[in-house]
C-alpha cells in the first residue's frame, strides 16, 4: 500500500507544463513562457528571447507578464484542472515540511528524477497555483514556495530576517529548537524558514550564519577546526583525517598529508604530542616541552616539586612523564634547588 501511495505522489511535470501551455493561443507567447521559465531546457533571459523572436527586451517582459496574469486567472477560475492537482500535492508536502520550502526540496518529493528542468516546472506550476506564493531566487533567498494563507512573500521575508537577526545576536551556532524558542515559534516551521535563507547554514544539527566556519567550513583548515571543536579534545592527525572522511561535509576527499600540512600552518592548532593536535583556544600554547616547563615555573614564581611540574605540563602537552623529567634534568635553563624540586636557572 505504501508503495502505491508513493507512486501516486509522483507528478509528471512535463505533461502538466504541456497542458498549461496548450491554453496559450499564440505560439510566440508559448515560446516566451517556455523559455523564460525553463520548462524544457535552460532558462533564457529577456535579451536572448528577444533576439530569437526579433522583438525588444521590453516587449518580451510585457508579454510574459500579460500571459502569466491570464494563466493565473484561469487557474483561479478552475479552468486549469492539472494545476489544481499539482497544487494539492504541493500543499500536502508544504504542510509536512513546515509551510515553506525550497523548490529543489519540493521537486525531490513530487517528481521522479528532480532534474533542474523538473525544478523549473515545479516553480512555474507553483506560481500559477492560487494557494501558493513563490519567493524568487536572489542574493538572500533560494527559490522557494510558501502556503499563502500562512504567509505572503512580505511576511516570509520578514520572518526569515528576524530569524537571521536572532542567530546573529546569539553569536554562535545553535540547534533550531533553541532558536525557535527564542522567537516563540514552532521548530519545524523555524527550520523551514531557515532552509530558504542564503545567509544561514547548518551542520551537525546546529544553525548559524553562512560566514561561520562551524556551520559552513570553506577549506581544510575550517574542517579541521570543526572536527576538533566537535570532538572536544586533542586528536592525532590520522584521526582528524578519518573524522573528515566520515563527516557530513560537502567536500571531504582530502589526503592525510594535506591535513597535516594545514595543521602546521594554522595558528589555531597546537602540536601537543607526537602527531597530536589541540585547539589554541583551549589554553594550549606552541613550544617545546622545555618551553612549557619554563612557562610553568615562570608563572609559579617559585620552585616547584617535579611532580607538580609534570602535572602542570601535562595540561598543555600530551607527552610521556619521562620526557618532562629528562628535560628538567638535562636542560641548562633549569636547576635543582632541593630534593626533586626545580626552579629556573636565571631565578
Protein backbone atom coordinates (compact mmCIF):
# COMPACT_ATOMS: atom_id res chain seq x y z
CA UNK A 1 0.00 0.00 0.00
CA UNK A 2 2.83 2.39 0.89
CA UNK A 3 4.48 1.76 -2.49
CA UNK A 4 1.22 2.59 -4.30
CA UNK A 5 0.81 5.83 -2.37
CA UNK A 6 4.40 6.85 -3.12
CA UNK A 7 3.83 6.16 -6.83
CA UNK A 8 0.63 8.22 -6.83
CA UNK A 9 2.51 11.18 -5.34
CA UNK A 10 4.80 11.45 -8.38
CA UNK A 11 3.84 14.31 -10.70
CA UNK A 12 4.68 14.24 -14.41
CA UNK A 13 5.70 17.88 -14.60
CA UNK A 14 6.33 17.74 -18.35
CA UNK A 15 2.75 16.65 -19.11
CA UNK A 16 1.31 19.31 -16.81
CA UNK A 17 3.51 22.03 -18.31
CA UNK A 18 2.44 20.98 -21.81
CA UNK A 19 -1.21 21.07 -20.76
CA UNK A 20 -0.82 24.59 -19.35
CA UNK A 21 0.96 25.81 -22.47
CA UNK A 22 -1.88 24.47 -24.62
CA UNK A 23 -4.11 27.13 -23.07
CA UNK A 24 -1.93 29.85 -24.60
CA UNK A 25 -3.28 30.58 -28.07
CA UNK A 26 -0.32 32.30 -29.71
CA UNK A 27 2.80 30.30 -30.47
CA UNK A 28 5.09 33.26 -29.78
CA UNK A 29 3.66 33.64 -26.28
CA UNK A 30 4.01 29.90 -25.63
CA UNK A 31 7.64 30.17 -26.70
CA UNK A 32 8.26 33.07 -24.34
CA UNK A 33 6.79 31.30 -21.30
CA UNK A 34 8.54 28.00 -22.06
CA UNK A 35 11.91 29.66 -22.47
CA UNK A 36 11.63 32.18 -19.62
CA UNK A 37 10.69 29.50 -17.09
CA UNK A 38 12.98 26.78 -18.49
CA UNK A 39 10.12 24.31 -18.97
CA UNK A 40 12.00 22.14 -21.47
CA UNK A 41 15.56 23.45 -21.47
CA UNK A 42 17.62 26.01 -19.56
CA UNK A 43 16.03 29.31 -18.61
CA UNK A 44 16.69 32.17 -21.04
CA UNK A 45 16.99 35.90 -20.48
CA UNK A 46 14.72 38.59 -21.91
CA UNK A 47 17.53 39.59 -24.27
CA UNK A 48 18.07 36.06 -25.56
CA UNK A 49 14.38 35.53 -26.25
CA UNK A 50 14.06 38.97 -27.82
CA UNK A 51 16.86 38.22 -30.27
CA UNK A 52 15.30 34.86 -31.14
CA UNK A 53 11.84 36.34 -31.78
CA UNK A 54 13.12 39.61 -33.23
CA UNK A 55 11.38 41.78 -30.63
CA UNK A 56 12.71 44.08 -27.89
CA UNK A 57 13.60 43.02 -24.39
CA UNK A 58 10.83 45.20 -23.00
CA UNK A 59 8.26 43.61 -25.30
CA UNK A 60 9.26 40.15 -24.09
CA UNK A 61 8.82 41.32 -20.50
CA UNK A 62 5.37 42.78 -21.26
CA UNK A 63 4.17 39.61 -22.99
CA UNK A 64 5.49 37.40 -20.22
CA UNK A 65 3.69 39.45 -17.58
CA UNK A 66 0.43 39.50 -19.58
CA UNK A 67 0.38 35.77 -20.33
CA UNK A 68 1.29 34.86 -16.76
CA UNK A 69 -1.56 37.01 -15.43
CA UNK A 70 -4.02 35.27 -17.78
CA UNK A 71 -2.82 31.82 -16.72
CA UNK A 72 -3.11 32.73 -13.04
CA UNK A 73 -6.65 33.99 -13.61
CA UNK A 74 -7.55 30.75 -15.42
CA UNK A 75 -6.11 28.69 -12.54
CA UNK A 76 -8.07 30.77 -10.03
CA UNK A 77 -11.25 30.15 -12.03
CA UNK A 78 -10.63 26.40 -12.06
CA UNK A 79 -10.02 26.31 -15.81
CA UNK A 80 -6.64 24.54 -15.40
CA UNK A 81 -7.55 21.26 -13.64
CA UNK A 82 -3.99 19.94 -13.78
CA UNK A 83 -2.82 22.96 -11.79
CA UNK A 84 -5.33 22.10 -9.06
CA UNK A 85 -3.90 18.57 -8.87
CA UNK A 86 -0.31 19.79 -8.62
CA UNK A 87 -1.34 22.43 -6.10
CA UNK A 88 -2.92 19.75 -3.93
CA UNK A 89 0.33 17.76 -3.94
CA UNK A 90 2.44 20.82 -3.14
CA UNK A 91 0.16 21.93 -0.30
CA UNK A 92 0.36 18.46 1.25
CA UNK A 93 4.16 18.48 1.06
CA UNK A 94 4.40 22.01 2.46
CA UNK A 95 2.21 21.01 5.41
CA UNK A 96 4.77 18.31 6.20
CA UNK A 97 7.84 20.47 5.57
CA UNK A 98 6.81 23.43 7.71
CA UNK A 99 4.61 25.60 5.40
CA UNK A 100 7.56 26.84 3.32
CA UNK A 101 10.27 25.00 1.39
CA UNK A 102 12.90 25.33 -1.29
CA UNK A 103 11.85 24.39 -4.81
CA UNK A 104 14.56 21.72 -5.01
CA UNK A 105 13.21 20.02 -1.86
CA UNK A 106 9.62 20.08 -3.11
CA UNK A 107 10.66 18.78 -6.51
CA UNK A 108 12.58 15.94 -4.86
CA UNK A 109 9.36 14.83 -3.17
CA UNK A 110 6.92 15.00 -6.09
CA UNK A 111 8.99 14.26 -9.21
CA UNK A 112 10.71 11.08 -10.30
CA UNK A 113 14.17 12.47 -11.07
CA UNK A 114 14.26 16.00 -9.60
CA UNK A 115 16.24 17.41 -12.53
CA UNK A 116 16.83 21.13 -12.97
CA UNK A 117 14.05 21.12 -15.53
CA UNK A 118 11.72 19.39 -13.06
CA UNK A 119 12.53 22.11 -10.53
CA UNK A 120 11.85 24.85 -13.08
CA UNK A 121 8.49 23.29 -13.91
CA UNK A 122 7.54 22.94 -10.23
CA UNK A 123 8.37 26.63 -9.70
CA UNK A 124 6.28 27.60 -12.73
CA UNK A 125 3.29 25.49 -11.67
CA UNK A 126 3.50 26.80 -8.11
CA UNK A 127 3.46 30.34 -9.48
CA UNK A 128 0.11 29.62 -11.12
CA UNK A 129 -1.37 27.97 -8.00
CA UNK A 130 -3.80 30.28 -6.13
CA UNK A 131 -2.92 28.84 -2.71
CA UNK A 132 0.85 29.29 -3.10
CA UNK A 133 3.36 32.09 -3.30
CA UNK A 134 6.80 31.76 -4.94
CA UNK A 135 9.85 33.51 -3.45
CA UNK A 136 12.31 34.07 -6.28
CA UNK A 137 16.00 33.27 -6.07
CA UNK A 138 18.26 36.23 -5.24
CA UNK A 139 21.29 37.06 -3.08
CA UNK A 140 19.38 36.40 0.15
CA UNK A 141 16.91 33.63 -0.72
CA UNK A 142 16.79 30.32 -2.51
CA UNK A 143 13.81 29.93 -4.80
CA UNK A 144 11.04 28.68 -2.52
CA UNK A 145 7.30 28.20 -2.13
CA UNK A 146 5.09 29.16 0.80
CA UNK A 147 1.47 28.48 1.75
CA UNK A 148 -0.20 31.80 1.02
CA UNK A 149 -2.77 31.55 3.82
CA UNK A 150 0.11 31.29 6.32
CA UNK A 151 2.49 33.89 4.90
CA UNK A 152 2.64 36.06 1.82
CA UNK A 153 6.04 36.96 0.35
CA UNK A 154 6.43 40.02 2.56
CA UNK A 155 5.85 38.05 5.76
CA UNK A 156 8.07 35.15 4.66
CA UNK A 157 10.96 37.56 4.20
CA UNK A 158 10.19 39.40 7.44
CA UNK A 159 10.21 36.14 9.41
CA UNK A 160 13.45 34.99 7.77
CA UNK A 161 15.07 38.34 8.56
CA UNK A 162 14.02 38.03 12.20
CA UNK A 163 15.46 34.52 12.28
CA UNK A 164 18.80 35.62 10.82
CA UNK A 165 18.95 38.51 13.31
CA UNK A 166 18.28 36.16 16.24
CA UNK A 167 21.04 33.77 15.21
CA UNK A 168 23.45 36.65 14.63
CA UNK A 169 22.67 38.03 18.08
CA UNK A 170 23.32 34.62 19.67
CA UNK A 171 26.83 34.81 18.26
CA UNK A 172 27.30 31.07 17.82
CA UNK A 173 25.59 28.11 16.10
CA UNK A 174 22.56 26.72 17.90
CA UNK A 175 20.02 23.89 17.50
CA UNK A 176 16.89 25.04 15.70
CA UNK A 177 14.79 24.21 18.78
CA UNK A 178 16.64 26.87 20.76
CA UNK A 179 16.28 29.45 18.02
CA UNK A 180 12.57 28.67 17.69
CA UNK A 181 12.11 29.09 21.44
CA UNK A 182 13.84 32.48 21.32
CA UNK A 183 11.48 33.61 18.56
CA UNK A 184 8.42 32.00 20.12
CA UNK A 185 7.81 29.82 17.08
CA UNK A 186 7.46 26.19 16.05
CA UNK A 187 10.70 24.23 15.49
CA UNK A 188 9.64 22.67 12.17
CA UNK A 189 8.44 26.00 10.81
CA UNK A 190 11.56 27.80 12.02
CA UNK A 191 13.78 25.24 10.33
CA UNK A 192 11.75 25.53 7.13
CA UNK A 193 12.28 29.30 7.12
CA UNK A 194 15.98 28.89 7.88
CA UNK A 195 16.40 26.48 4.97
CA UNK A 196 15.37 29.07 2.36
CA UNK A 197 17.86 31.71 3.54
CA UNK A 198 21.22 32.00 1.78
CA UNK A 199 22.53 33.82 4.85
CA UNK A 200 22.23 30.72 7.04
CA UNK A 201 23.84 27.29 7.03
CA UNK A 202 23.56 24.15 9.13
CA UNK A 203 25.97 21.44 10.20
CA UNK A 204 25.77 18.72 12.86
CA UNK A 205 22.27 19.79 13.87
CA UNK A 206 23.10 23.44 14.51
CA UNK A 207 22.30 26.59 12.53
CA UNK A 208 24.44 29.67 12.12
CA UNK A 209 25.43 32.45 9.74
CA UNK A 210 26.80 31.18 6.45
CA UNK A 211 30.09 33.01 7.15
CA UNK A 212 30.65 31.00 10.35
CA UNK A 213 33.12 28.16 9.75
CA UNK A 214 31.43 25.96 12.37
CA UNK A 215 28.40 25.52 10.10
CA UNK A 216 29.93 26.31 6.71
CA UNK A 217 33.60 25.30 6.60
CA UNK A 218 35.09 26.57 3.36
CA UNK A 219 38.53 24.94 3.39
CA UNK A 220 40.55 22.15 5.00
CA UNK A 221 41.58 24.31 7.95
CA UNK A 222 37.99 25.16 8.77
CA UNK A 223 37.04 21.48 8.59
CA UNK A 224 39.87 20.54 10.94
CA UNK A 225 38.68 23.22 13.36
CA UNK A 226 35.10 21.91 13.27
CA UNK A 227 36.28 18.32 13.86
CA UNK A 228 38.44 19.27 16.87
CA UNK A 229 35.75 21.57 18.26
CA UNK A 230 33.09 18.85 17.99
CA UNK A 231 35.43 16.20 19.41
CA UNK A 232 36.21 18.41 22.39
CA UNK A 233 39.78 17.20 22.94
CA UNK A 234 43.10 16.61 21.22
CA UNK A 235 43.35 14.24 18.25
CA UNK A 236 46.09 12.65 16.16
CA UNK A 237 46.18 13.97 12.61
CA UNK A 238 45.28 10.49 11.31
CA UNK A 239 42.16 10.57 13.50
CA UNK A 240 41.28 14.01 12.15
CA UNK A 241 41.62 12.73 8.58
CA UNK A 242 39.31 9.80 9.33
CA UNK A 243 36.76 12.05 11.02
CA UNK A 244 36.66 14.37 8.00
CA UNK A 245 36.07 11.42 5.66
CA UNK A 246 33.20 10.23 7.89
CA UNK A 247 31.68 13.71 8.26
CA UNK A 248 28.73 15.44 6.59
CA UNK A 249 30.99 17.98 4.87
CA UNK A 250 30.17 18.63 1.23
CA UNK A 251 33.76 18.01 0.14
CA UNK A 252 35.77 15.56 2.21
CA UNK A 253 38.16 13.96 -0.27
CA UNK A 254 41.34 15.30 1.35
CA UNK A 255 44.60 13.50 1.97
CA UNK A 256 46.17 12.90 5.36
CA UNK A 257 49.26 14.81 4.23
CA UNK A 258 47.18 17.84 3.26
CA UNK A 259 45.55 17.80 6.69
CA UNK A 260 48.93 17.57 8.42
CA UNK A 261 50.26 20.48 6.36
CA UNK A 262 47.29 22.68 7.32
CA UNK A 263 47.63 21.77 11.00
CA UNK A 264 51.21 23.02 10.92
CA UNK A 265 50.36 26.30 9.16
CA UNK A 266 47.27 27.43 11.10
CA UNK A 267 47.81 29.26 14.40
CA UNK A 268 44.51 27.89 15.74
CA UNK A 269 46.11 24.46 16.15
CA UNK A 270 48.85 23.49 18.59
CA UNK A 271 51.07 20.40 18.42
CA UNK A 272 50.93 18.92 21.92
CA UNK A 273 52.44 15.50 21.28
CA UNK A 274 53.80 13.28 18.53
CA UNK A 275 51.31 13.99 15.71
CA UNK A 276 48.70 15.09 18.25
CA UNK A 277 46.98 18.47 17.93
CA UNK A 278 44.64 20.59 20.06
CA UNK A 279 42.99 23.99 19.73
CA UNK A 280 44.91 27.00 20.97
CA UNK A 281 41.67 28.38 22.42
CA UNK A 282 41.64 25.51 24.92
CA UNK A 283 44.66 27.06 26.61
CA UNK A 284 47.42 25.22 24.76
CA UNK A 285 50.48 27.08 23.52
CA UNK A 286 53.17 26.41 20.96
CA UNK A 287 56.70 25.47 22.00
CA UNK A 288 58.88 22.58 23.08
CA UNK A 289 58.47 20.69 26.34
CA UNK A 290 61.33 22.78 27.74
CA UNK A 291 59.46 25.96 26.74
CA UNK A 292 56.36 24.78 28.58
CA UNK A 293 58.36 23.89 31.72
CA UNK A 294 59.90 27.37 31.58
CA UNK A 295 56.46 28.96 31.34
CA UNK A 296 55.14 26.82 34.23
CA UNK A 297 57.99 27.85 36.53
CA UNK A 298 57.77 31.49 35.44
CA UNK A 299 54.04 31.62 36.20
CA UNK A 300 54.56 29.88 39.56
CA UNK A 301 57.20 32.44 40.62
CA UNK A 302 58.78 29.89 42.92
CA UNK A 303 60.45 26.45 42.84
CA UNK A 304 58.13 23.50 42.24
CA UNK A 305 58.35 19.81 43.03
CA UNK A 306 58.92 17.73 39.91
CA UNK A 307 55.54 16.01 40.36
CA UNK A 308 53.79 19.37 40.30
CA UNK A 309 55.77 20.42 37.24
CA UNK A 310 54.80 17.21 35.45
CA UNK A 311 51.15 17.73 36.39
CA UNK A 312 51.07 21.28 35.02
CA UNK A 313 52.98 20.48 31.84
CA UNK A 314 50.61 17.61 31.04
CA UNK A 315 47.74 20.09 30.97
CA UNK A 316 49.19 21.57 27.81
CA UNK A 317 51.29 18.75 26.36
CA UNK A 318 50.40 15.16 25.55
CA UNK A 319 53.82 13.61 26.26
CA UNK A 320 55.32 10.94 28.48
CA UNK A 321 56.30 11.91 32.04
CA UNK A 322 59.84 10.68 31.36
CA UNK A 323 60.16 13.24 28.56
CA UNK A 324 59.34 16.04 31.00
CA UNK A 325 61.77 14.71 33.63
CA UNK A 326 64.57 14.34 31.10
CA UNK A 327 64.09 17.99 30.10
CA UNK A 328 64.15 19.09 33.74
CA UNK A 329 67.35 17.24 34.45
CA UNK A 330 69.15 17.80 31.16
CA UNK A 331 68.42 21.38 30.15
CA UNK A 332 70.68 24.18 31.42
CA UNK A 333 67.77 26.58 31.96
CA UNK A 334 66.56 24.52 34.95
CA UNK A 335 68.30 23.94 38.29
CA UNK A 336 67.54 21.66 41.20
CA UNK A 337 67.21 23.74 44.38
CA UNK A 338 66.13 20.98 46.74
CA UNK A 339 65.31 17.29 46.65
CA UNK A 340 63.16 16.73 43.50
CA UNK A 341 62.45 20.46 43.41
CA UNK A 342 63.32 22.69 40.49
CA UNK A 343 63.46 26.34 39.52
CA UNK A 344 64.65 28.42 36.59
CA UNK A 345 68.42 28.77 36.44
CA UNK A 346 68.03 32.52 35.92
CA UNK A 347 65.96 32.87 39.12
